[in-house]
PDB file of all heavy atoms in Angstrom:
ATOM      1  N   LYS A   1     -11.479  -2.174  11.157  1.00  0.00           N
ATOM      2  CA  LYS A   1     -11.894  -1.514   9.924  1.00  0.00           C
ATOM      3  C   LYS A   1     -11.078  -1.961   8.714  1.00  0.00           C
ATOM      4  O   LYS A   1     -11.471  -1.690   7.573  1.00  0.00           O
ATOM      5  CB  LYS A   1     -11.794   0.006  10.079  1.00  0.00           C
ATOM      6  CG  LYS A   1     -12.798   0.598  11.061  1.00  0.00           C
ATOM      7  CD  LYS A   1     -12.726   2.112  11.077  1.00  0.00           C
ATOM      8  CE  LYS A   1     -13.777   2.714  12.005  1.00  0.00           C
ATOM      9  NZ  LYS A   1     -13.741   4.195  12.010  1.00  0.00           N
ATOM     10  N   ASN A   2      -9.947  -2.622   8.954  1.00  0.00           N
ATOM     11  CA  ASN A   2      -9.096  -3.064   7.848  1.00  0.00           C
ATOM     12  C   ASN A   2      -9.369  -4.530   7.528  1.00  0.00           C
ATOM     13  O   ASN A   2      -9.593  -5.346   8.421  1.00  0.00           O
ATOM     14  CB  ASN A   2      -7.620  -2.888   8.199  1.00  0.00           C
ATOM     15  CG  ASN A   2      -7.241  -1.427   8.375  1.00  0.00           C
ATOM     16  OD1 ASN A   2      -7.895  -0.546   7.827  1.00  0.00           O
ATOM     17  ND2 ASN A   2      -6.185  -1.173   9.125  1.00  0.00           N
ATOM     18  N   ARG A   3      -9.310  -4.866   6.243  1.00  0.00           N
ATOM     19  CA  ARG A   3      -9.537  -6.251   5.845  1.00  0.00           C
ATOM     20  C   ARG A   3      -8.986  -6.489   4.443  1.00  0.00           C
ATOM     21  O   ARG A   3      -8.839  -5.553   3.656  1.00  0.00           O
ATOM     22  CB  ARG A   3     -11.027  -6.581   5.869  1.00  0.00           C
ATOM     23  CG  ARG A   3     -11.870  -5.759   4.887  1.00  0.00           C
ATOM     24  CD  ARG A   3     -13.353  -6.042   5.066  1.00  0.00           C
ATOM     25  NE  ARG A   3     -14.164  -5.367   4.052  1.00  0.00           N
ATOM     26  CZ  ARG A   3     -14.664  -4.154   4.181  1.00  0.00           C
ATOM     27  NH1 ARG A   3     -14.443  -3.465   5.288  1.00  0.00           N
ATOM     28  NH2 ARG A   3     -15.398  -3.622   3.213  1.00  0.00           N
ATOM     29  N   ILE A   4      -8.682  -7.748   4.177  1.00  0.00           N
ATOM     30  CA  ILE A   4      -8.358  -8.190   2.817  1.00  0.00           C
ATOM     31  C   ILE A   4      -9.254  -9.382   2.538  1.00  0.00           C
ATOM     32  O   ILE A   4      -9.360 -10.292   3.362  1.00  0.00           O
ATOM     33  CB  ILE A   4      -6.879  -8.561   2.646  1.00  0.00           C
ATOM     34  CG1 ILE A   4      -5.965  -7.473   3.222  1.00  0.00           C
ATOM     35  CG2 ILE A   4      -6.557  -8.771   1.163  1.00  0.00           C
ATOM     36  CD1 ILE A   4      -4.482  -7.797   3.108  1.00  0.00           C
ATOM     37  N   ILE A   5      -9.902  -9.385   1.386  1.00  0.00           N
ATOM     38  CA  ILE A   5     -10.899 -10.408   1.081  1.00  0.00           C
ATOM     39  C   ILE A   5     -10.495 -11.169  -0.173  1.00  0.00           C
ATOM     40  O   ILE A   5     -10.099 -10.573  -1.181  1.00  0.00           O
ATOM     41  CB  ILE A   5     -12.282  -9.775   0.858  1.00  0.00           C
ATOM     42  CG1 ILE A   5     -12.614  -8.766   1.963  1.00  0.00           C
ATOM     43  CG2 ILE A   5     -13.368 -10.848   0.788  1.00  0.00           C
ATOM     44  CD1 ILE A   5     -13.857  -7.950   1.682  1.00  0.00           C
ATOM     45  N   ALA A   6     -10.619 -12.491  -0.110  1.00  0.00           N
ATOM     46  CA  ALA A   6     -10.380 -13.354  -1.266  1.00  0.00           C
ATOM     47  C   ALA A   6     -11.714 -13.839  -1.813  1.00  0.00           C
ATOM     48  O   ALA A   6     -12.536 -14.380  -1.064  1.00  0.00           O
ATOM     49  CB  ALA A   6      -9.508 -14.536  -0.881  1.00  0.00           C
ATOM     50  N   LEU A   7     -11.940 -13.629  -3.106  1.00  0.00           N
ATOM     51  CA  LEU A   7     -13.167 -14.078  -3.763  1.00  0.00           C
ATOM     52  C   LEU A   7     -12.804 -15.019  -4.903  1.00  0.00           C
ATOM     53  O   LEU A   7     -12.554 -14.591  -6.042  1.00  0.00           O
ATOM     54  CB  LEU A   7     -13.966 -12.888  -4.323  1.00  0.00           C
ATOM     55  CG  LEU A   7     -14.619 -11.932  -3.334  1.00  0.00           C
ATOM     56  CD1 LEU A   7     -13.615 -10.871  -2.868  1.00  0.00           C
ATOM     57  CD2 LEU A   7     -15.819 -11.236  -3.969  1.00  0.00           C
ATOM     58  N   PRO A   8     -12.727 -16.332  -4.635  1.00  0.00           N
ATOM     59  CA  PRO A   8     -12.465 -17.289  -5.699  1.00  0.00           C
ATOM     60  C   PRO A   8     -13.736 -17.627  -6.454  1.00  0.00           C
ATOM     61  O   PRO A   8     -14.841 -17.558  -5.899  1.00  0.00           O
ATOM     62  CB  PRO A   8     -11.941 -18.519  -4.934  1.00  0.00           C
ATOM     63  CG  PRO A   8     -12.635 -18.437  -3.602  1.00  0.00           C
ATOM     64  CD  PRO A   8     -12.828 -16.960  -3.307  1.00  0.00           C
ATOM     65  N   ALA A   9     -13.606 -17.985  -7.724  1.00  0.00           N
ATOM     66  CA  ALA A   9     -14.812 -18.287  -8.495  1.00  0.00           C
ATOM     67  C   ALA A   9     -14.445 -19.008  -9.790  1.00  0.00           C
ATOM     68  O   ALA A   9     -13.318 -18.909 -10.288  1.00  0.00           O
ATOM     69  CB  ALA A   9     -15.585 -17.005  -8.817  1.00  0.00           C
ATOM     70  N   TYR A  10     -15.425 -19.717 -10.325  1.00  0.00           N
ATOM     71  CA  TYR A  10     -15.318 -20.349 -11.649  1.00  0.00           C
ATOM     72  C   TYR A  10     -16.603 -20.073 -12.399  1.00  0.00           C
ATOM     73  O   TYR A  10     -17.704 -20.171 -11.837  1.00  0.00           O
ATOM     74  CB  TYR A  10     -15.118 -21.852 -11.530  1.00  0.00           C
ATOM     75  CG  TYR A  10     -15.390 -22.593 -12.832  1.00  0.00           C
ATOM     76  CD1 TYR A  10     -14.477 -22.544 -13.886  1.00  0.00           C
ATOM     77  CD2 TYR A  10     -16.581 -23.299 -13.014  1.00  0.00           C
ATOM     78  CE1 TYR A  10     -14.734 -23.193 -15.092  1.00  0.00           C
ATOM     79  CE2 TYR A  10     -16.853 -23.953 -14.207  1.00  0.00           C
ATOM     80  CZ  TYR A  10     -15.923 -23.903 -15.239  1.00  0.00           C
ATOM     81  OH  TYR A  10     -16.184 -24.540 -16.431  1.00  0.00           O
ATOM     82  N   LEU A  11     -16.492 -19.720 -13.660  1.00  0.00           N
ATOM     83  CA  LEU A  11     -17.643 -19.461 -14.512  1.00  0.00           C
ATOM     84  C   LEU A  11     -17.467 -20.230 -15.806  1.00  0.00           C
ATOM     85  O   LEU A  11     -16.506 -20.004 -16.556  1.00  0.00           O
ATOM     86  CB  LEU A  11     -17.764 -17.956 -14.797  1.00  0.00           C
ATOM     87  CG  LEU A  11     -18.977 -17.499 -15.594  1.00  0.00           C
ATOM     88  CD1 LEU A  11     -20.263 -17.839 -14.871  1.00  0.00           C
ATOM     89  CD2 LEU A  11     -18.909 -15.998 -15.865  1.00  0.00           C
ATOM     90  N   GLY A  12     -18.378 -21.190 -16.058  1.00  0.00           N
ATOM     91  CA  GLY A  12     -18.319 -22.012 -17.269  1.00  0.00           C
ATOM     92  C   GLY A  12     -19.266 -21.504 -18.330  1.00  0.00           C
ATOM     93  O   GLY A  12     -19.357 -20.307 -18.583  1.00  0.00           O
ATOM     94  N   ASP A  13     -19.984 -22.444 -18.973  1.00  0.00           N
ATOM     95  CA  ASP A  13     -21.007 -22.104 -19.953  1.00  0.00           C
ATOM     96  C   ASP A  13     -20.464 -21.188 -21.046  1.00  0.00           C
ATOM     97  O   ASP A  13     -21.045 -20.153 -21.374  1.00  0.00           O
ATOM     98  CB  ASP A  13     -22.212 -21.453 -19.263  1.00  0.00           C
ATOM     99  CG  ASP A  13     -23.431 -21.390 -20.177  1.00  0.00           C
ATOM    100  OD1 ASP A  13     -23.477 -22.184 -21.126  1.00  0.00           O
ATOM    101  OD2 ASP A  13     -24.319 -20.554 -19.938  1.00  0.00           O
ATOM    102  N   GLY A  14     -19.315 -21.568 -21.615  1.00  0.00           N
ATOM    103  CA  GLY A  14     -18.727 -20.786 -22.702  1.00  0.00           C
ATOM    104  C   GLY A  14     -17.717 -19.761 -22.256  1.00  0.00           C
ATOM    105  O   GLY A  14     -16.976 -19.220 -23.081  1.00  0.00           O
ATOM    106  N   PHE A  15     -17.667 -19.439 -20.941  1.00  0.00           N
ATOM    107  CA  PHE A  15     -16.709 -18.471 -20.442  1.00  0.00           C
ATOM    108  C   PHE A  15     -15.376 -19.129 -20.092  1.00  0.00           C
ATOM    109  O   PHE A  15     -14.317 -18.619 -20.429  1.00  0.00           O
ATOM    110  CB  PHE A  15     -17.268 -17.751 -19.208  1.00  0.00           C
ATOM    111  CG  PHE A  15     -18.352 -16.773 -19.515  1.00  0.00           C
ATOM    112  CD1 PHE A  15     -19.680 -17.182 -19.528  1.00  0.00           C
ATOM    113  CD2 PHE A  15     -18.066 -15.451 -19.808  1.00  0.00           C
ATOM    114  CE1 PHE A  15     -20.699 -16.285 -19.811  1.00  0.00           C
ATOM    115  CE2 PHE A  15     -19.065 -14.549 -20.097  1.00  0.00           C
ATOM    116  CZ  PHE A  15     -20.389 -14.965 -20.103  1.00  0.00           C
ATOM    117  N   SER A  16     -15.429 -20.261 -19.377  1.00  0.00           N
ATOM    118  CA  SER A  16     -14.231 -20.974 -18.933  1.00  0.00           C
ATOM    119  C   SER A  16     -13.263 -20.039 -18.224  1.00  0.00           C
ATOM    120  O   SER A  16     -12.100 -19.878 -18.612  1.00  0.00           O
ATOM    121  CB  SER A  16     -13.538 -21.658 -20.126  1.00  0.00           C
ATOM    122  OG  SER A  16     -14.371 -22.653 -20.665  1.00  0.00           O
ATOM    123  N   VAL A  17     -13.762 -19.395 -17.193  1.00  0.00           N
ATOM    124  CA  VAL A  17     -12.968 -18.447 -16.420  1.00  0.00           C
ATOM    125  C   VAL A  17     -12.833 -18.962 -14.991  1.00  0.00           C
ATOM    126  O   VAL A  17     -13.814 -19.378 -14.377  1.00  0.00           O
ATOM    127  CB  VAL A  17     -13.648 -17.058 -16.387  1.00  0.00           C
ATOM    128  CG1 VAL A  17     -12.867 -16.092 -15.512  1.00  0.00           C
ATOM    129  CG2 VAL A  17     -13.784 -16.498 -17.791  1.00  0.00           C
ATOM    130  N   ALA A  18     -11.612 -18.961 -14.486  1.00  0.00           N
ATOM    131  CA  ALA A  18     -11.377 -19.323 -13.089  1.00  0.00           C
ATOM    132  C   ALA A  18     -10.331 -18.380 -12.519  1.00  0.00           C
ATOM    133  O   ALA A  18      -9.485 -17.846 -13.242  1.00  0.00           O
ATOM    134  CB  ALA A  18     -10.900 -20.775 -12.979  1.00  0.00           C
ATOM    135  N   GLY A  19     -10.384 -18.166 -11.206  1.00  0.00           N
ATOM    136  CA  GLY A  19      -9.383 -17.312 -10.591  1.00  0.00           C
ATOM    137  C   GLY A  19      -9.865 -16.764  -9.266  1.00  0.00           C
ATOM    138  O   GLY A  19     -10.763 -17.315  -8.625  1.00  0.00           O
ATOM    139  N   VAL A  20      -9.257 -15.660  -8.863  1.00  0.00           N
ATOM    140  CA  VAL A  20      -9.577 -15.072  -7.567  1.00  0.00           C
ATOM    141  C   VAL A  20      -9.362 -13.555  -7.613  1.00  0.00           C
ATOM    142  O   VAL A  20      -8.458 -13.062  -8.295  1.00  0.00           O
ATOM    143  CB  VAL A  20      -8.690 -15.695  -6.457  1.00  0.00           C
ATOM    144  CG1 VAL A  20      -7.212 -15.401  -6.689  1.00  0.00           C
ATOM    145  CG2 VAL A  20      -9.129 -15.234  -5.071  1.00  0.00           C
ATOM    146  N   LYS A  21     -10.234 -12.840  -6.923  1.00  0.00           N
ATOM    147  CA  LYS A  21     -10.014 -11.416  -6.669  1.00  0.00           C
ATOM    148  C   LYS A  21      -9.536 -11.287  -5.231  1.00  0.00           C
ATOM    149  O   LYS A  21     -10.142 -11.833  -4.313  1.00  0.00           O
ATOM    150  CB  LYS A  21     -11.301 -10.602  -6.861  1.00  0.00           C
ATOM    151  CG  LYS A  21     -11.085  -9.097  -6.573  1.00  0.00           C
ATOM    152  CD  LYS A  21     -12.315  -8.268  -6.851  1.00  0.00           C
ATOM    153  CE  LYS A  21     -13.374  -8.416  -5.775  1.00  0.00           C
ATOM    154  NZ  LYS A  21     -14.452  -7.401  -5.889  1.00  0.00           N
ATOM    155  N   TRP A  22      -8.449 -10.574  -5.023  1.00  0.00           N
ATOM    156  CA  TRP A  22      -7.830 -10.381  -3.703  1.00  0.00           C
ATOM    157  C   TRP A  22      -7.848  -8.879  -3.465  1.00  0.00           C
ATOM    158  O   TRP A  22      -7.057  -8.139  -4.045  1.00  0.00           O
ATOM    159  CB  TRP A  22      -6.426 -10.953  -3.741  1.00  0.00           C
ATOM    160  CG  TRP A  22      -5.575 -10.877  -2.508  1.00  0.00           C
ATOM    161  CD1 TRP A  22      -4.347 -10.277  -2.415  1.00  0.00           C
ATOM    162  CD2 TRP A  22      -5.821 -11.452  -1.227  1.00  0.00           C
ATOM    163  NE1 TRP A  22      -3.831 -10.435  -1.151  1.00  0.00           N
ATOM    164  CE2 TRP A  22      -4.707 -11.154  -0.389  1.00  0.00           C
ATOM    165  CE3 TRP A  22      -6.885 -12.188  -0.683  1.00  0.00           C
ATOM    166  CZ2 TRP A  22      -4.635 -11.562   0.943  1.00  0.00           C
ATOM    167  CZ3 TRP A  22      -6.796 -12.597   0.647  1.00  0.00           C
ATOM    168  CH2 TRP A  22      -5.686 -12.281   1.432  1.00  0.00           C
ATOM    169  N   ILE A  23      -8.805  -8.417  -2.644  1.00  0.00           N
ATOM    170  CA  ILE A  23      -9.053  -6.984  -2.518  1.00  0.00           C
ATOM    171  C   ILE A  23      -8.954  -6.540  -1.066  1.00  0.00           C
ATOM    172  O   ILE A  23      -9.503  -7.176  -0.165  1.00  0.00           O
ATOM    173  CB  ILE A  23     -10.438  -6.606  -3.114  1.00  0.00           C
ATOM    174  CG1 ILE A  23     -10.669  -5.089  -3.037  1.00  0.00           C
ATOM    175  CG2 ILE A  23     -11.579  -7.401  -2.478  1.00  0.00           C
ATOM    176  CD1 ILE A  23     -11.809  -4.597  -3.892  1.00  0.00           C
ATOM    177  N   SER A  24      -8.246  -5.447  -0.851  1.00  0.00           N
ATOM    178  CA  SER A  24      -8.052  -4.927   0.504  1.00  0.00           C
ATOM    179  C   SER A  24      -8.813  -3.627   0.676  1.00  0.00           C
ATOM    180  O   SER A  24      -9.066  -2.887  -0.276  1.00  0.00           O
ATOM    181  CB  SER A  24      -6.567  -4.692   0.786  1.00  0.00           C
ATOM    182  OG  SER A  24      -6.074  -3.623  -0.004  1.00  0.00           O
ATOM    183  N   SER A  25      -9.168  -3.353   1.936  1.00  0.00           N
ATOM    184  CA  SER A  25      -9.812  -2.100   2.309  1.00  0.00           C
ATOM    185  C   SER A  25      -9.147  -1.601   3.577  1.00  0.00           C
ATOM    186  O   SER A  25      -9.307  -2.203   4.637  1.00  0.00           O
ATOM    187  CB  SER A  25     -11.315  -2.302   2.540  1.00  0.00           C
ATOM    188  OG  SER A  25     -11.906  -1.118   3.047  1.00  0.00           O
ATOM    189  N   PHE A  26      -8.387  -0.503   3.463  1.00  0.00           N
ATOM    190  CA  PHE A  26      -7.680   0.093   4.595  1.00  0.00           C
ATOM    191  C   PHE A  26      -8.077   1.566   4.658  1.00  0.00           C
ATOM    192  O   PHE A  26      -7.650   2.385   3.847  1.00  0.00           O
ATOM    193  CB  PHE A  26      -6.160  -0.040   4.422  1.00  0.00           C
ATOM    194  CG  PHE A  26      -5.615  -1.393   4.809  1.00  0.00           C
ATOM    195  CD1 PHE A  26      -6.047  -2.545   4.174  1.00  0.00           C
ATOM    196  CD2 PHE A  26      -4.663  -1.497   5.816  1.00  0.00           C
ATOM    197  CE1 PHE A  26      -5.553  -3.789   4.527  1.00  0.00           C
ATOM    198  CE2 PHE A  26      -4.151  -2.742   6.182  1.00  0.00           C
ATOM    199  CZ  PHE A  26      -4.605  -3.892   5.542  1.00  0.00           C
ATOM    200  N   LEU A  27      -8.906   1.898   5.638  1.00  0.00           N
ATOM    201  CA  LEU A  27      -9.442   3.257   5.721  1.00  0.00           C
ATOM    202  C   LEU A  27      -8.353   4.298   5.934  1.00  0.00           C
ATOM    203  O   LEU A  27      -8.475   5.441   5.498  1.00  0.00           O
ATOM    204  CB  LEU A  27     -10.468   3.345   6.846  1.00  0.00           C
ATOM    205  CG  LEU A  27     -11.818   2.671   6.565  1.00  0.00           C
ATOM    206  CD1 LEU A  27     -12.736   2.813   7.768  1.00  0.00           C
ATOM    207  CD2 LEU A  27     -12.476   3.271   5.338  1.00  0.00           C
ATOM    208  N   GLY A  28      -7.269   3.920   6.621  1.00  0.00           N
ATOM    209  CA  GLY A  28      -6.193   4.867   6.868  1.00  0.00           C
ATOM    210  C   GLY A  28      -5.507   5.354   5.614  1.00  0.00           C
ATOM    211  O   GLY A  28      -4.797   6.375   5.639  1.00  0.00           O
ATOM    212  N   ASN A  29      -5.720   4.658   4.510  1.00  0.00           N
ATOM    213  CA  ASN A  29      -5.110   5.087   3.245  1.00  0.00           C
ATOM    214  C   ASN A  29      -5.583   6.476   2.827  1.00  0.00           C
ATOM    215  O   ASN A  29      -4.848   7.226   2.174  1.00  0.00           O
ATOM    216  CB  ASN A  29      -5.430   4.090   2.135  1.00  0.00           C
ATOM    217  CG  ASN A  29      -4.634   2.811   2.252  1.00  0.00           C
ATOM    218  OD1 ASN A  29      -3.751   2.702   3.101  1.00  0.00           O
ATOM    219  ND2 ASN A  29      -4.948   1.843   1.418  1.00  0.00           N
ATOM    220  N   LEU A  30      -6.819   6.810   3.175  1.00  0.00           N
ATOM    221  CA  LEU A  30      -7.360   8.109   2.781  1.00  0.00           C
ATOM    222  C   LEU A  30      -6.549   9.239   3.389  1.00  0.00           C
ATOM    223  O   LEU A  30      -6.321  10.274   2.755  1.00  0.00           O
ATOM    224  CB  LEU A  30      -8.826   8.206   3.194  1.00  0.00           C
ATOM    225  CG  LEU A  30      -9.757   7.162   2.559  1.00  0.00           C
ATOM    226  CD1 LEU A  30     -11.165   7.288   3.121  1.00  0.00           C
ATOM    227  CD2 LEU A  30      -9.765   7.298   1.046  1.00  0.00           C
ATOM    228  N   GLU A  31      -6.082   9.045   4.626  1.00  0.00           N
ATOM    229  CA  GLU A  31      -5.241  10.061   5.262  1.00  0.00           C
ATOM    230  C   GLU A  31      -3.857  10.107   4.634  1.00  0.00           C
ATOM    231  O   GLU A  31      -3.161  11.122   4.734  1.00  0.00           O
ATOM    232  CB  GLU A  31      -5.127   9.765   6.757  1.00  0.00           C
ATOM    233  CG  GLU A  31      -6.458   9.835   7.499  1.00  0.00           C
ATOM    234  CD  GLU A  31      -6.331   9.453   8.954  1.00  0.00           C
ATOM    235  OE1 GLU A  31      -5.186   9.149   9.393  1.00  0.00           O
ATOM    236  OE2 GLU A  31      -7.350   9.449   9.660  1.00  0.00           O
ATOM    237  N   ARG A  32      -3.456   9.012   4.003  1.00  0.00           N
ATOM    238  CA  ARG A  32      -2.163   8.967   3.313  1.00  0.00           C
ATOM    239  C   ARG A  32      -2.236   9.523   1.896  1.00  0.00           C
ATOM    240  O   ARG A  32      -1.242   9.579   1.184  1.00  0.00           O
ATOM    241  CB  ARG A  32      -1.649   7.528   3.265  1.00  0.00           C
ATOM    242  CG  ARG A  32      -1.436   6.878   4.628  1.00  0.00           C
ATOM    243  CD  ARG A  32      -0.883   5.459   4.480  1.00  0.00           C
ATOM    244  NE  ARG A  32      -0.650   4.839   5.759  1.00  0.00           N
ATOM    245  CZ  ARG A  32      -1.499   4.017   6.377  1.00  0.00           C
ATOM    246  NH1 ARG A  32      -2.660   3.726   5.796  1.00  0.00           N
ATOM    247  NH2 ARG A  32      -1.215   3.490   7.549  1.00  0.00           N
ATOM    248  N   GLY A  33      -3.446   9.894   1.480  1.00  0.00           N
ATOM    249  CA  GLY A  33      -3.617  10.430   0.140  1.00  0.00           C
ATOM    250  C   GLY A  33      -3.689   9.376  -0.946  1.00  0.00           C
ATOM    251  O   GLY A  33      -3.469   9.677  -2.128  1.00  0.00           O
ATOM    252  N   ILE A  34      -3.980   8.123  -0.552  1.00  0.00           N
ATOM    253  CA  ILE A  34      -4.121   7.047  -1.539  1.00  0.00           C
ATOM    254  C   ILE A  34      -5.495   6.411  -1.364  1.00  0.00           C
ATOM    255  O   ILE A  34      -6.183   6.632  -0.368  1.00  0.00           O
ATOM    256  CB  ILE A  34      -3.008   5.984  -1.419  1.00  0.00           C
ATOM    257  CG1 ILE A  34      -2.989   5.370  -0.010  1.00  0.00           C
ATOM    258  CG2 ILE A  34      -1.652   6.600  -1.746  1.00  0.00           C
ATOM    259  CD1 ILE A  34      -1.935   4.282   0.153  1.00  0.00           C
ATOM    260  N   GLU A  35      -5.910   5.616  -2.356  1.00  0.00           N
ATOM    261  CA  GLU A  35      -7.242   5.033  -2.340  1.00  0.00           C
ATOM    262  C   GLU A  35      -7.405   4.025  -1.202  1.00  0.00           C
ATOM    263  O   GLU A  35      -6.462   3.311  -0.840  1.00  0.00           O
ATOM    264  CB  GLU A  35      -7.536   4.343  -3.671  1.00  0.00           C
ATOM    265  CG  GLU A  35      -7.558   5.278  -4.865  1.00  0.00           C
ATOM    266  CD  GLU A  35      -8.771   6.188  -4.863  1.00  0.00           C
ATOM    267  OE1 GLU A  35      -9.682   5.988  -4.032  1.00  0.00           O
ATOM    268  OE2 GLU A  35      -8.817   7.113  -5.697  1.00  0.00           O
ATOM    269  N   ARG A  36      -8.623   3.974  -0.662  1.00  0.00           N
ATOM    270  CA  ARG A  36      -8.937   3.027   0.407  1.00  0.00           C
ATOM    271  C   ARG A  36      -8.747   1.591  -0.047  1.00  0.00           C
ATOM    272  O   ARG A  36      -8.184   0.755   0.672  1.00  0.00           O
ATOM    273  CB  ARG A  36     -10.389   3.232   0.851  1.00  0.00           C
ATOM    274  CG  ARG A  36     -10.912   2.167   1.814  1.00  0.00           C
ATOM    275  CD  ARG A  36     -12.399   2.327   2.043  1.00  0.00           C
ATOM    276  NE  ARG A  36     -13.175   2.174   0.824  1.00  0.00           N
ATOM    277  CZ  ARG A  36     -13.561   1.000   0.316  1.00  0.00           C
ATOM    278  NH1 ARG A  36     -13.238  -0.135   0.925  1.00  0.00           N
ATOM    279  NH2 ARG A  36     -14.261   0.946  -0.807  1.00  0.00           N
ATOM    280  N   ALA A  37      -9.211   1.271  -1.242  1.00  0.00           N
ATOM    281  CA  ALA A  37      -9.207  -0.113  -1.729  1.00  0.00           C
ATOM    282  C   ALA A  37      -8.119  -0.321  -2.777  1.00  0.00           C
ATOM    283  O   ALA A  37      -7.839   0.562  -3.597  1.00  0.00           O
ATOM    284  CB  ALA A  37     -10.564  -0.476  -2.316  1.00  0.00           C
ATOM    285  N   SER A  38      -7.507  -1.487  -2.726  1.00  0.00           N
ATOM    286  CA  SER A  38      -6.583  -1.917  -3.776  1.00  0.00           C
ATOM    287  C   SER A  38      -6.822  -3.404  -4.012  1.00  0.00           C
ATOM    288  O   SER A  38      -7.292  -4.114  -3.116  1.00  0.00           O
ATOM    289  CB  SER A  38      -5.128  -1.658  -3.386  1.00  0.00           C
ATOM    290  OG  SER A  38      -4.802  -2.350  -2.187  1.00  0.00           O
ATOM    291  N   ALA A  39      -6.500  -3.870  -5.217  1.00  0.00           N
ATOM    292  CA  ALA A  39      -6.841  -5.257  -5.532  1.00  0.00           C
ATOM    293  C   ALA A  39      -6.020  -5.787  -6.688  1.00  0.00           C
ATOM    294  O   ALA A  39      -5.518  -5.015  -7.526  1.00  0.00           O
ATOM    295  CB  ALA A  39      -8.335  -5.377  -5.864  1.00  0.00           C
ATOM    296  N   VAL A  40      -5.904  -7.096  -6.718  1.00  0.00           N
ATOM    297  CA  VAL A  40      -5.392  -7.789  -7.891  1.00  0.00           C
ATOM    298  C   VAL A  40      -6.370  -8.905  -8.236  1.00  0.00           C
ATOM    299  O   VAL A  40      -7.052  -9.445  -7.361  1.00  0.00           O
ATOM    300  CB  VAL A  40      -3.979  -8.396  -7.680  1.00  0.00           C
ATOM    301  CG1 VAL A  40      -2.947  -7.312  -7.526  1.00  0.00           C
ATOM    302  CG2 VAL A  40      -3.958  -9.347  -6.483  1.00  0.00           C
ATOM    303  N   VAL A  41      -6.462  -9.214  -9.520  1.00  0.00           N
ATOM    304  CA  VAL A  41      -7.229 -10.363  -9.997  1.00  0.00           C
ATOM    305  C   VAL A  41      -6.256 -11.326 -10.652  1.00  0.00           C
ATOM    306  O   VAL A  41      -5.431 -10.916 -11.484  1.00  0.00           O
ATOM    307  CB  VAL A  41      -8.311  -9.940 -11.012  1.00  0.00           C
ATOM    308  CG1 VAL A  41      -9.002 -11.168 -11.588  1.00  0.00           C
ATOM    309  CG2 VAL A  41      -9.329  -9.024 -10.351  1.00  0.00           C
ATOM    310  N   ILE A  42      -6.320 -12.580 -10.251  1.00  0.00           N
ATOM    311  CA  ILE A  42      -5.501 -13.623 -10.878  1.00  0.00           C
ATOM    312  C   ILE A  42      -6.425 -14.515 -11.687  1.00  0.00           C
ATOM    313  O   ILE A  42      -7.394 -15.071 -11.155  1.00  0.00           O
ATOM    314  CB  ILE A  42      -4.747 -14.456  -9.829  1.00  0.00           C
ATOM    315  CG1 ILE A  42      -3.830 -13.567  -8.989  1.00  0.00           C
ATOM    316  CG2 ILE A  42      -3.932 -15.565 -10.507  1.00  0.00           C
ATOM    317  CD1 ILE A  42      -3.144 -14.300  -7.849  1.00  0.00           C
ATOM    318  N   LEU A  43      -6.160 -14.643 -12.966  1.00  0.00           N
ATOM    319  CA  LEU A  43      -6.911 -15.539 -13.837  1.00  0.00           C
ATOM    320  C   LEU A  43      -6.112 -16.814 -14.051  1.00  0.00           C
ATOM    321  O   LEU A  43      -4.902 -16.757 -14.311  1.00  0.00           O
ATOM    322  CB  LEU A  43      -7.183 -14.881 -15.195  1.00  0.00           C
ATOM    323  CG  LEU A  43      -8.035 -13.606 -15.188  1.00  0.00           C
ATOM    324  CD1 LEU A  43      -8.149 -13.055 -16.607  1.00  0.00           C
ATOM    325  CD2 LEU A  43      -9.412 -13.870 -14.608  1.00  0.00           C
ATOM    326  N   ASN A  44      -6.776 -17.964 -13.938  1.00  0.00           N
ATOM    327  CA  ASN A  44      -6.130 -19.259 -14.131  1.00  0.00           C
ATOM    328  C   ASN A  44      -6.702 -19.967 -15.344  1.00  0.00           C
ATOM    329  O   ASN A  44      -7.895 -19.865 -15.630  1.00  0.00           O
ATOM    330  CB  ASN A  44      -6.323 -20.144 -12.903  1.00  0.00           C
ATOM    331  CG  ASN A  44      -5.596 -19.630 -11.682  1.00  0.00           C
ATOM    332  OD1 ASN A  44      -6.038 -18.684 -11.045  1.00  0.00           O
ATOM    333  ND2 ASN A  44      -4.479 -20.243 -11.358  1.00  0.00           N
ATOM    334  N   SER A  45      -5.856 -20.716 -16.033  1.00  0.00           N
ATOM    335  CA  SER A  45      -6.316 -21.556 -17.133  1.00  0.00           C
ATOM    336  C   SER A  45      -7.218 -22.657 -16.585  1.00  0.00           C
ATOM    337  O   SER A  45      -6.882 -23.313 -15.590  1.00  0.00           O
ATOM    338  CB  SER A  45      -5.126 -22.177 -17.860  1.00  0.00           C
ATOM    339  OG  SER A  45      -5.554 -23.225 -18.731  1.00  0.00           O
ATOM    340  N   THR A  46      -8.364 -22.883 -17.229  1.00  0.00           N
ATOM    341  CA  THR A  46      -9.239 -23.973 -16.799  1.00  0.00           C
ATOM    342  C   THR A  46      -8.797 -25.308 -17.386  1.00  0.00           C
ATOM    343  O   THR A  46      -9.389 -26.341 -17.083  1.00  0.00           O
ATOM    344  CB  THR A  46     -10.692 -23.687 -17.211  1.00  0.00           C
ATOM    345  OG1 THR A  46     -10.754 -23.468 -18.625  1.00  0.00           O
ATOM    346  CG2 THR A  46     -11.222 -22.458 -16.478  1.00  0.00           C
TER     347      THR A  46
END
């Protein structure tokens, strides 16, 4: 039930955005009183 997912991507056409979303889902967090999902987004210069 636990996982961490990496979503890399690039978007051009005037956006010039590159980077990755690194997002976790840990169901046991709910019993700890914290959110199931947590994440960071890293933006890179194109």
